[in-house]
Amino acid sequence: MERVIEARAQVGHERPFAEQVRALVDQVNLTPEEWQTLPLLVNPPSLHVGAAPLLAELHGRMGYFPSILRLRPVAGSNPPQFEVAEILNLNEVRERARAARARPGSTA
């Protein structure tokens, strides 16, 4: 990784999530060219209904889905700590699903 860009990913239930996510992504302050050309690895919020509009917002800006981190708890850690379990290439997942859609009876 060349750099880490931290953005406050806390979403609250008092405002629409899409609005909060748009403001979150605006904090990153990338140019339109950077959104479309930089290889990004995203650690999405753990609240799934916050992660979904984040991925839609990023896809809209980037033109493809980013790769994301899946974290898992470190066994026996106190205080709780997390480690990277895998990197999920969401664009690859999407492409496999599109290919399966084109093949009748396919389960990918």
N, C-alpha and C. Protein backbone atom coordinates (compact mmCIF):
# COMPACT_ATOMS: atom_id res chain seq x y z
N MET A 1 0.83 -1.18 0.00
CA MET A 1 0.00 0.00 0.00
C MET A 1 0.87 1.24 0.00
N GLU A 2 0.49 2.17 -0.83
CA GLU A 2 1.22 3.44 -0.87
C GLU A 2 0.82 4.37 0.26
N ARG A 3 -0.49 4.42 0.53
CA ARG A 3 -0.96 5.31 1.59
C ARG A 3 -2.29 4.80 2.14
N VAL A 4 -2.59 5.26 3.33
CA VAL A 4 -3.85 4.93 3.98
C VAL A 4 -4.63 6.23 4.12
N ILE A 5 -5.88 6.20 3.67
CA ILE A 5 -6.76 7.36 3.81
C ILE A 5 -7.82 6.98 4.82
N GLU A 6 -7.84 7.67 5.94
CA GLU A 6 -8.83 7.37 6.97
C GLU A 6 -10.01 8.32 6.83
N ALA A 7 -11.19 7.74 6.90
CA ALA A 7 -12.41 8.54 6.87
C ALA A 7 -13.33 8.00 7.96
N ARG A 8 -13.98 8.89 8.67
CA ARG A 8 -14.89 8.50 9.75
C ARG A 8 -16.05 7.72 9.14
N ALA A 9 -16.17 6.46 9.49
CA ALA A 9 -17.17 5.59 8.87
C ALA A 9 -18.36 5.31 9.78
N GLN A 10 -18.53 6.09 10.80
CA GLN A 10 -19.66 5.89 11.71
C GLN A 10 -20.92 6.46 11.06
N VAL A 11 -21.92 5.62 10.86
CA VAL A 11 -23.20 6.09 10.34
C VAL A 11 -24.22 6.02 11.46
N GLY A 12 -25.09 7.02 11.48
CA GLY A 12 -26.11 7.08 12.52
C GLY A 12 -27.49 6.84 11.95
N HIS A 13 -28.38 6.40 12.78
CA HIS A 13 -29.73 6.06 12.34
C HIS A 13 -30.63 7.28 12.19
N GLU A 14 -30.17 8.45 12.57
CA GLU A 14 -31.01 9.64 12.54
C GLU A 14 -31.09 10.31 11.16
N ARG A 15 -30.19 9.98 10.25
CA ARG A 15 -30.18 10.58 8.91
C ARG A 15 -30.14 9.49 7.86
N PRO A 16 -30.60 9.79 6.63
CA PRO A 16 -30.53 8.78 5.56
C PRO A 16 -29.09 8.31 5.32
N PHE A 17 -28.93 7.00 5.18
CA PHE A 17 -27.59 6.43 5.03
C PHE A 17 -26.91 6.90 3.75
N ALA A 18 -27.64 6.97 2.65
CA ALA A 18 -27.01 7.38 1.38
C ALA A 18 -26.39 8.77 1.51
N GLU A 19 -27.07 9.66 2.20
CA GLU A 19 -26.56 11.02 2.43
C GLU A 19 -25.29 10.99 3.27
N GLN A 20 -25.30 10.17 4.33
CA GLN A 20 -24.12 10.07 5.20
C GLN A 20 -22.93 9.45 4.47
N VAL A 21 -23.22 8.45 3.65
CA VAL A 21 -22.15 7.77 2.90
C VAL A 21 -21.54 8.72 1.87
N ARG A 22 -22.37 9.49 1.20
CA ARG A 22 -21.86 10.46 0.22
C ARG A 22 -20.91 11.43 0.91
N ALA A 23 -21.28 11.93 2.09
CA ALA A 23 -20.41 12.84 2.85
C ALA A 23 -19.13 12.13 3.28
N LEU A 24 -19.24 10.87 3.67
CA LEU A 24 -18.06 10.07 4.04
C LEU A 24 -17.09 9.95 2.87
N VAL A 25 -17.61 9.61 1.71
CA VAL A 25 -16.77 9.44 0.53
C VAL A 25 -16.18 10.77 0.08
N ASP A 26 -16.94 11.85 0.22
CA ASP A 26 -16.41 13.18 -0.12
C ASP A 26 -15.18 13.53 0.72
N GLN A 27 -15.10 13.02 1.96
CA GLN A 27 -13.95 13.27 2.84
C GLN A 27 -12.65 12.76 2.25
N VAL A 28 -12.74 11.74 1.43
CA VAL A 28 -11.54 11.10 0.87
C VAL A 28 -10.82 12.07 -0.06
N ASN A 29 -11.57 12.94 -0.71
CA ASN A 29 -10.99 14.05 -1.47
C ASN A 29 -10.11 13.59 -2.64
N LEU A 30 -10.56 12.59 -3.38
CA LEU A 30 -9.85 12.18 -4.59
C LEU A 30 -10.44 12.90 -5.80
N THR A 31 -9.62 13.10 -6.81
CA THR A 31 -10.11 13.69 -8.05
C THR A 31 -10.89 12.65 -8.84
N PRO A 32 -11.73 13.07 -9.80
CA PRO A 32 -12.42 12.08 -10.63
C PRO A 32 -11.44 11.10 -11.30
N GLU A 33 -10.30 11.59 -11.75
CA GLU A 33 -9.31 10.71 -12.37
C GLU A 33 -8.76 9.70 -11.37
N GLU A 34 -8.46 10.15 -10.15
CA GLU A 34 -7.95 9.24 -9.13
C GLU A 34 -8.97 8.17 -8.77
N TRP A 35 -10.27 8.56 -8.68
CA TRP A 35 -11.31 7.57 -8.39
C TRP A 35 -11.30 6.47 -9.44
N GLN A 36 -11.04 6.82 -10.68
CA GLN A 36 -11.14 5.86 -11.77
C GLN A 36 -9.85 5.11 -12.06
N THR A 37 -8.72 5.56 -11.51
CA THR A 37 -7.45 4.93 -11.87
C THR A 37 -6.66 4.35 -10.70
N LEU A 38 -6.86 4.86 -9.49
CA LEU A 38 -6.09 4.33 -8.35
C LEU A 38 -6.63 2.96 -7.93
N PRO A 39 -5.75 2.02 -7.65
CA PRO A 39 -6.21 0.74 -7.10
C PRO A 39 -6.54 0.96 -5.61
N LEU A 40 -7.81 0.80 -5.26
CA LEU A 40 -8.24 1.06 -3.89
C LEU A 40 -8.60 -0.24 -3.19
N LEU A 41 -8.27 -0.31 -1.93
CA LEU A 41 -8.66 -1.41 -1.05
C LEU A 41 -9.46 -0.77 0.08
N VAL A 42 -10.72 -1.18 0.26
CA VAL A 42 -11.64 -0.52 1.17
C VAL A 42 -11.95 -1.41 2.36
N ASN A 43 -11.94 -0.81 3.54
CA ASN A 43 -12.39 -1.48 4.75
C ASN A 43 -13.77 -0.92 5.06
N PRO A 44 -14.84 -1.59 4.60
CA PRO A 44 -16.18 -1.02 4.75
C PRO A 44 -16.65 -1.04 6.21
N PRO A 45 -17.65 -0.20 6.52
CA PRO A 45 -18.19 -0.23 7.88
C PRO A 45 -18.80 -1.59 8.18
N SER A 46 -18.76 -1.98 9.43
CA SER A 46 -19.29 -3.30 9.80
C SER A 46 -20.81 -3.34 9.76
N LEU A 47 -21.48 -2.20 9.84
CA LEU A 47 -22.93 -2.15 9.74
C LEU A 47 -23.32 -2.37 8.29
N HIS A 48 -23.89 -3.51 7.98
CA HIS A 48 -24.14 -3.90 6.59
C HIS A 48 -25.00 -2.90 5.83
N VAL A 49 -25.97 -2.29 6.47
CA VAL A 49 -26.79 -1.33 5.74
C VAL A 49 -26.06 -0.02 5.49
N GLY A 50 -24.93 0.17 6.11
CA GLY A 50 -24.05 1.29 5.79
C GLY A 50 -23.06 0.91 4.71
N ALA A 51 -22.64 -0.35 4.69
CA ALA A 51 -21.68 -0.81 3.70
C ALA A 51 -22.29 -0.86 2.30
N ALA A 52 -23.56 -1.24 2.20
CA ALA A 52 -24.20 -1.36 0.88
C ALA A 52 -24.24 -0.04 0.11
N PRO A 53 -24.72 1.06 0.70
CA PRO A 53 -24.69 2.32 -0.06
C PRO A 53 -23.26 2.83 -0.28
N LEU A 54 -22.33 2.49 0.61
CA LEU A 54 -20.94 2.87 0.38
C LEU A 54 -20.42 2.22 -0.89
N LEU A 55 -20.69 0.93 -1.07
CA LEU A 55 -20.22 0.24 -2.27
C LEU A 55 -20.89 0.80 -3.53
N ALA A 56 -22.17 1.14 -3.43
CA ALA A 56 -22.86 1.74 -4.58
C ALA A 56 -22.25 3.11 -4.91
N GLU A 57 -21.96 3.91 -3.90
CA GLU A 57 -21.34 5.23 -4.11
C GLU A 57 -19.97 5.08 -4.74
N LEU A 58 -19.16 4.15 -4.23
CA LEU A 58 -17.82 3.94 -4.79
C LEU A 58 -17.90 3.44 -6.22
N HIS A 59 -18.81 2.52 -6.51
CA HIS A 59 -18.96 2.01 -7.88
C HIS A 59 -19.32 3.15 -8.81
N GLY A 60 -20.20 4.04 -8.36
CA GLY A 60 -20.57 5.18 -9.19
C GLY A 60 -19.40 6.10 -9.49
N ARG A 61 -18.52 6.29 -8.54
CA ARG A 61 -17.37 7.17 -8.74
C ARG A 61 -16.23 6.49 -9.49
N MET A 62 -16.07 5.18 -9.24
CA MET A 62 -14.93 4.46 -9.79
C MET A 62 -15.23 3.80 -11.13
N GLY A 63 -16.49 3.41 -11.33
CA GLY A 63 -16.86 2.69 -12.54
C GLY A 63 -16.72 1.19 -12.40
N TYR A 64 -16.34 0.73 -11.23
CA TYR A 64 -16.22 -0.71 -10.94
C TYR A 64 -16.24 -0.85 -9.42
N PHE A 65 -16.41 -2.07 -8.94
CA PHE A 65 -16.39 -2.31 -7.51
C PHE A 65 -14.95 -2.40 -7.01
N PRO A 66 -14.67 -1.85 -5.84
CA PRO A 66 -13.32 -1.96 -5.27
C PRO A 66 -13.12 -3.31 -4.60
N SER A 67 -11.89 -3.60 -4.28
CA SER A 67 -11.59 -4.74 -3.42
C SER A 67 -11.84 -4.29 -1.98
N ILE A 68 -12.28 -5.22 -1.14
CA ILE A 68 -12.53 -4.88 0.25
C ILE A 68 -11.83 -5.86 1.18
N LEU A 69 -11.62 -5.41 2.41
CA LEU A 69 -11.04 -6.26 3.44
C LEU A 69 -12.13 -7.01 4.18
N ARG A 70 -11.87 -8.26 4.51
CA ARG A 70 -12.71 -8.97 5.47
C ARG A 70 -11.85 -9.21 6.68
N LEU A 71 -12.27 -8.66 7.80
CA LEU A 71 -11.54 -8.80 9.05
C LEU A 71 -12.17 -9.89 9.90
N ARG A 72 -11.35 -10.50 10.76
CA ARG A 72 -11.86 -11.48 11.71
C ARG A 72 -11.22 -11.20 13.07
N PRO A 73 -11.92 -11.57 14.14
CA PRO A 73 -11.36 -11.35 15.47
C PRO A 73 -10.15 -12.25 15.71
N VAL A 74 -9.19 -11.73 16.41
CA VAL A 74 -8.02 -12.52 16.82
C VAL A 74 -8.44 -13.29 18.07
N ALA A 75 -8.34 -14.60 18.00
CA ALA A 75 -8.77 -15.45 19.11
C ALA A 75 -8.01 -15.10 20.39
N GLY A 76 -8.76 -14.96 21.47
CA GLY A 76 -8.16 -14.74 22.79
C GLY A 76 -7.62 -13.34 23.03
N SER A 77 -7.83 -12.41 22.13
CA SER A 77 -7.28 -11.07 22.34
C SER A 77 -8.17 -10.28 23.29
N ASN A 78 -7.52 -9.54 24.18
CA ASN A 78 -8.23 -8.68 25.11
C ASN A 78 -7.41 -7.44 25.34
N PRO A 79 -7.81 -6.27 24.88
CA PRO A 79 -9.10 -5.96 24.24
C PRO A 79 -9.21 -6.61 22.87
N PRO A 80 -10.45 -6.68 22.35
CA PRO A 80 -10.64 -7.32 21.04
C PRO A 80 -9.78 -6.69 19.95
N GLN A 81 -9.15 -7.54 19.17
CA GLN A 81 -8.35 -7.10 18.03
C GLN A 81 -8.80 -7.87 16.81
N PHE A 82 -8.50 -7.30 15.64
CA PHE A 82 -8.91 -7.92 14.39
C PHE A 82 -7.73 -8.04 13.46
N GLU A 83 -7.79 -9.05 12.59
CA GLU A 83 -6.75 -9.26 11.59
C GLU A 83 -7.42 -9.42 10.23
N VAL A 84 -6.64 -9.21 9.18
CA VAL A 84 -7.17 -9.38 7.83
C VAL A 84 -7.34 -10.87 7.56
N ALA A 85 -8.57 -11.27 7.22
CA ALA A 85 -8.86 -12.66 6.90
C ALA A 85 -8.68 -12.89 5.40
N GLU A 86 -9.10 -11.93 4.59
CA GLU A 86 -8.94 -12.05 3.14
C GLU A 86 -9.22 -10.71 2.49
N ILE A 87 -8.78 -10.59 1.25
CA ILE A 87 -9.12 -9.45 0.41
C ILE A 87 -10.09 -9.96 -0.64
N LEU A 88 -11.27 -9.35 -0.68
CA LEU A 88 -12.31 -9.76 -1.61
C LEU A 88 -12.33 -8.81 -2.81
N ASN A 89 -12.09 -9.34 -3.99
CA ASN A 89 -12.15 -8.55 -5.22
C ASN A 89 -13.60 -8.54 -5.68
N LEU A 90 -14.34 -7.51 -5.30
CA LEU A 90 -15.78 -7.46 -5.60
C LEU A 90 -16.06 -7.37 -7.09
N ASN A 91 -15.19 -6.73 -7.83
CA ASN A 91 -15.40 -6.65 -9.27
C ASN A 91 -15.30 -8.04 -9.90
N GLU A 92 -14.38 -8.85 -9.40
CA GLU A 92 -14.24 -10.23 -9.88
C GLU A 92 -15.49 -11.04 -9.53
N VAL A 93 -16.01 -10.84 -8.33
CA VAL A 93 -17.25 -11.52 -7.91
C VAL A 93 -18.37 -11.13 -8.86
N ARG A 94 -18.47 -9.85 -9.17
CA ARG A 94 -19.50 -9.36 -10.09
C ARG A 94 -19.36 -10.00 -11.46
N GLU A 95 -18.15 -10.05 -11.98
CA GLU A 95 -17.93 -10.62 -13.31
C GLU A 95 -18.29 -12.11 -13.36
N ARG A 96 -17.96 -12.86 -12.30
CA ARG A 96 -18.34 -14.28 -12.25
C ARG A 96 -19.86 -14.42 -12.23
N ALA A 97 -20.52 -13.55 -11.49
CA ALA A 97 -21.98 -13.60 -11.43
C ALA A 97 -22.60 -13.25 -12.79
N ARG A 98 -22.03 -12.29 -13.48
CA ARG A 98 -22.53 -11.93 -14.81
C ARG A 98 -22.34 -13.10 -15.78
N ALA A 99 -21.21 -13.78 -15.70
CA ALA A 99 -20.98 -14.92 -16.56
C ALA A 99 -21.96 -16.05 -16.26
N ALA A 100 -22.25 -16.25 -14.97
CA ALA A 100 -23.21 -17.28 -14.58
C ALA A 100 -24.61 -16.93 -15.08
N ARG A 101 -24.94 -15.66 -15.07
CA ARG A 101 -26.24 -15.21 -15.55
C ARG A 101 -26.41 -15.55 -17.04
N ALA A 102 -25.32 -15.51 -17.76
CA ALA A 102 -25.36 -15.77 -19.21
C ALA A 102 -25.47 -17.25 -19.52
N ARG A 103 -25.17 -18.12 -18.54
CA ARG A 103 -25.24 -19.57 -18.76
C ARG A 103 -26.48 -20.12 -18.06
N PRO A 104 -27.49 -20.54 -18.81
CA PRO A 104 -28.69 -21.10 -18.18
C PRO A 104 -28.34 -22.28 -17.28
N GLY A 105 -28.93 -22.29 -16.09
CA GLY A 105 -28.72 -23.40 -15.16
C GLY A 105 -27.42 -23.36 -14.42
N SER A 106 -26.61 -22.30 -14.59
CA SER A 106 -25.32 -22.22 -13.95
C SER A 106 -25.47 -21.74 -12.51
N THR A 107 -24.60 -22.24 -11.64
CA THR A 107 -24.55 -21.77 -10.25
C THR A 107 -23.25 -21.06 -9.97
N ALA A 108 -22.52 -20.70 -11.03
CA ALA A 108 -21.23 -20.00 -10.93
C ALA A 108 -20.23 -20.95 -10.37
